Structures are given as structure tokens and as C-alpha cells.
Amino acid sequence: MTEAPTTGRISRAPSWVAVAAWGFGLVTVALGAAAIMAVQADPLSRVLGALSVAVGLSALGWGATSLYLNRTPTPRVAVAILFAGVGLAVALLATAPGRASILAVALLVGLGVTVACGIVQGTRHPSPRSSLWGLIGSAALVTLVVVPALGVCQGAALLDADGTVLPVVTHDGH
């Protein structure tokens, strides 16, 4: 069987791009949740946090769709969403009550640029089929850099105005 000829080029980024987009999405959601739930969150930081959560969830969905379809869906929209997520993270960093972590924002910028470059590369030079080992390796690498960033997001949300960390109250025995 032969494939039907297509008039457009198929954009196919390597599988690590989708995994890096998942890392980007997880950190974006964590930054947004921290901004919403921060001790001194104001309405602006809550709105920015909600937008950040929406961008993060769309990045997670885009990564899953990319792996499912074995191609890069809507590459221009994906890059625009990445830049919107980076912009929201920087805005959260600039708002005092947002309590964004500088480490998480720096990682988010790095992941955003990496994913955007991978999408552009896949648009210009489509990648052959994805390899399982490449997927496993990229998942391990993204896990190593994303998990610490998720931890500092929670720490930033628990920071009080004087710089002390508020205790996490457990409800044991209640």
C-alpha cells in the first residue's frame, strides 16, 4: 500500500519535544496553583495563576496529542502558548503576592525555549519515527529537572511577607 500524496508538509518533532512540553506544563500549572493559593494572594496574582494553570493544562494536552498523532499538531499555536506561559511566569515573578519561585521560572523559560526550538526543528526537518529509548531518556531527564522545581513552587506559596515559611497544618486526629 502506498500513502496518498499530501499537498502540505507534515511537521513531526522528535518525541522528546512532547515530553519537554509535559515538563513545561507541570511547572506552569504548579506556578499557577502557587499563585492562586499563596498566603498573601491578591486578585491579580489569582487571575495570573488561573491563566497559568490553563496554559499548563494546554501544554500537557498538546504533548499527549503530539505523541498520539505522531506529528506536531498546530506548531504555531503551540509556540504562541509557550511564549504566553513564559510571559505569565515572568508576570507572576514580578507580582509580590504571586510568590513565584525564581528557580521554577528559570526552568520554565529554559523548557519553553527548548520545546519551541524542537517544534521549529520538526517543522523544518521532520523527524523520523520516535524511538522508545529516546522517549525514556527524555522522560528521565525532564523528571530530574522538573521535580525540584515543583517542590520550590510549594515553598514559594508558603512564604510569609517577612520571609518565614508558614507551617503546613496537618489534620491528624481531627
Protein backbone atom coordinates (compact mmCIF):
# COMPACT_ATOMS: atom_id res chain seq x y z
CA MET A 1 0.00 0.00 0.00
CA THR A 2 1.14 3.49 -0.70
CA GLU A 3 0.19 6.61 1.17
CA ALA A 4 -1.94 9.18 -0.55
CA PRO A 5 0.08 12.20 -1.64
CA THR A 6 -0.33 15.25 0.52
CA THR A 7 -0.02 18.82 -0.55
CA GLY A 8 1.28 20.12 2.80
CA ARG A 9 4.32 19.10 4.76
CA ILE A 10 3.82 17.15 7.94
CA SER A 11 5.52 18.66 10.94
CA ARG A 12 6.96 15.95 13.16
CA ALA A 13 9.09 16.97 16.12
CA PRO A 14 11.13 14.35 17.98
CA SER A 15 9.39 12.59 20.87
CA TRP A 16 11.47 14.44 23.45
CA VAL A 17 9.65 17.66 22.49
CA ALA A 18 6.33 16.28 23.75
CA VAL A 19 7.95 15.11 26.99
CA ALA A 20 9.59 18.50 27.50
CA ALA A 21 6.17 20.10 26.87
CA TRP A 22 4.81 17.94 29.69
CA GLY A 23 7.53 19.26 31.97
CA PHE A 24 6.70 22.79 30.86
CA GLY A 25 3.02 22.15 31.55
CA LEU A 26 3.63 20.69 35.00
CA VAL A 27 5.78 23.60 36.11
CA THR A 28 3.33 26.13 34.65
CA VAL A 29 0.43 24.50 36.50
CA ALA A 30 2.45 24.44 39.73
CA LEU A 31 3.34 28.13 39.40
CA GLY A 32 -0.29 28.98 38.74
CA ALA A 33 -1.53 26.91 41.67
CA ALA A 34 1.04 28.51 43.95
CA ALA A 35 -0.08 31.98 42.85
CA ILE A 36 -3.72 31.13 43.48
CA MET A 37 -3.12 29.52 46.88
CA ALA A 38 -0.32 31.80 48.14
CA VAL A 39 -0.72 33.14 51.64
CA GLN A 40 -1.00 36.77 50.51
CA ALA A 41 -2.50 36.26 47.06
CA ASP A 42 -4.37 39.25 45.66
CA PRO A 43 -6.89 39.22 42.78
CA LEU A 44 -4.22 40.00 40.16
CA SER A 45 -1.99 37.10 41.17
CA ARG A 46 -5.01 34.79 41.30
CA VAL A 47 -6.05 35.76 37.76
CA LEU A 48 -2.47 35.31 36.52
CA GLY A 49 -2.36 31.99 38.35
CA ALA A 50 -5.59 30.79 36.74
CA LEU A 51 -4.28 31.77 33.29
CA SER A 52 -1.03 29.97 34.06
CA VAL A 53 -2.92 26.81 35.03
CA ALA A 54 -4.89 26.99 31.76
CA VAL A 55 -1.68 27.37 29.73
CA GLY A 56 -0.07 24.49 31.62
CA LEU A 57 -3.02 22.19 31.03
CA SER A 58 -3.00 23.04 27.33
CA ALA A 59 0.75 22.22 27.16
CA LEU A 60 0.08 18.86 28.81
CA GLY A 61 -2.71 18.17 26.32
CA TRP A 62 -0.59 19.27 23.39
CA GLY A 63 2.21 16.88 24.41
CA ALA A 64 -0.20 13.96 24.70
CA THR A 65 -1.81 14.81 21.36
CA SER A 66 1.60 15.09 19.71
CA LEU A 67 2.60 11.62 20.84
CA TYR A 68 -0.79 10.14 19.98
CA LEU A 69 -0.85 11.56 16.44
CA ASN A 70 2.89 11.01 15.87
CA ARG A 71 3.15 14.50 14.44
CA THR A 72 3.28 18.07 15.70
CA PRO A 73 -0.25 19.47 15.88
CA THR A 74 -0.67 23.23 15.39
CA PRO A 75 3.01 24.18 15.68
CA ARG A 76 2.44 27.95 15.52
CA VAL A 77 -0.27 27.86 18.17
CA ALA A 78 1.94 25.66 20.36
CA VAL A 79 4.84 28.12 20.17
CA ALA A 80 2.48 31.02 20.94
CA ILE A 81 1.17 29.16 24.00
CA LEU A 82 4.74 28.51 25.14
CA PHE A 83 5.59 32.19 24.93
CA ALA A 84 2.34 33.07 26.74
CA GLY A 85 3.31 30.68 29.54
CA VAL A 86 6.75 32.23 29.85
CA GLY A 87 5.20 35.70 29.90
CA LEU A 88 2.75 34.68 32.62
CA ALA A 89 5.57 33.18 34.69
CA VAL A 90 7.60 36.38 34.44
CA ALA A 91 4.49 38.39 35.36
CA LEU A 92 3.96 36.16 38.40
CA LEU A 93 7.57 36.73 39.35
CA ALA A 94 7.02 40.49 39.11
CA THR A 95 3.93 40.50 41.34
CA ALA A 96 4.87 40.41 45.01
CA PRO A 97 1.89 38.39 46.27
CA GLY A 98 2.28 35.86 43.44
CA ARG A 99 5.29 34.38 45.19
CA ALA A 100 6.73 32.69 42.13
CA SER A 101 9.97 30.82 42.57
CA ILE A 102 12.92 32.16 40.55
CA LEU A 103 14.21 28.59 40.05
CA ALA A 104 10.86 27.42 38.68
CA VAL A 105 10.57 30.45 36.37
CA ALA A 106 14.15 29.95 35.10
CA LEU A 107 13.43 26.27 34.41
CA LEU A 108 10.17 27.21 32.73
CA VAL A 109 11.95 29.66 30.42
CA GLY A 110 14.54 27.01 29.58
CA LEU A 111 11.92 24.35 28.87
CA GLY A 112 9.84 26.81 26.83
CA VAL A 113 12.78 27.74 24.62
CA THR A 114 13.77 24.07 24.26
CA VAL A 115 10.27 23.00 23.24
CA ALA A 116 9.89 25.94 20.84
CA CYS A 117 13.23 25.10 19.18
CA GLY A 118 12.18 21.44 18.91
CA ILE A 119 8.89 22.42 17.30
CA VAL A 120 10.62 24.69 14.80
CA GLN A 121 13.17 21.96 14.02
CA GLY A 122 10.35 19.46 13.48
CA THR A 123 8.61 21.89 11.15
CA ARG A 124 11.72 22.46 9.02
CA HIS A 125 13.14 18.94 9.19
CA PRO A 126 10.50 16.36 10.13
CA SER A 127 11.82 13.71 12.48
CA PRO A 128 11.60 10.02 11.58
CA ARG A 129 9.67 7.68 13.84
CA SER A 130 10.16 8.15 17.55
CA SER A 131 12.33 5.70 19.41
CA LEU A 132 11.33 4.18 22.72
CA TRP A 133 14.78 4.80 24.20
CA GLY A 134 14.67 8.46 23.25
CA LEU A 135 11.29 8.75 24.93
CA ILE A 136 12.52 7.02 28.10
CA GLY A 137 15.70 9.09 28.23
CA SER A 138 13.88 12.37 27.76
CA ALA A 139 11.30 11.41 30.41
CA ALA A 140 14.09 10.66 32.89
CA LEU A 141 15.88 13.93 32.15
CA VAL A 142 12.71 16.02 32.36
CA THR A 143 11.80 14.29 35.64
CA LEU A 144 15.22 15.13 37.10
CA VAL A 145 14.81 18.84 36.41
CA VAL A 146 11.05 19.25 36.94
CA VAL A 147 10.61 17.54 40.32
CA PRO A 148 12.83 20.03 42.24
CA ALA A 149 11.04 22.92 40.53
CA LEU A 150 7.69 21.55 41.68
CA GLY A 151 8.99 21.44 45.25
CA VAL A 152 10.14 25.06 45.23
CA CYS A 153 6.76 26.16 43.85
CA GLN A 154 5.09 24.92 47.03
CA GLY A 155 7.76 26.54 49.18
CA ALA A 156 7.22 29.87 47.44
CA ALA A 157 3.48 29.66 48.05
CA LEU A 158 4.03 29.16 51.79
CA LEU A 159 6.35 32.16 52.18
CA ASP A 160 5.09 34.86 54.51
CA ALA A 161 5.70 38.59 53.96
CA ASP A 162 8.59 38.64 56.46
CA GLY A 163 10.38 35.77 54.70
CA THR A 164 9.44 32.99 57.09
CA VAL A 165 7.84 29.82 55.84
CA LEU A 166 4.42 29.08 57.25
CA PRO A 167 3.94 25.58 58.62
CA VAL A 168 1.80 23.14 56.74
CA VAL A 169 -1.01 22.23 59.11
CA THR A 170 -1.95 18.60 59.03
CA HIS A 171 -5.34 17.46 60.23
CA ASP A 172 -4.21 14.37 62.07
CA GLY A 173 -6.71 13.24 64.66
CA HIS A 174 -9.50 15.58 63.55
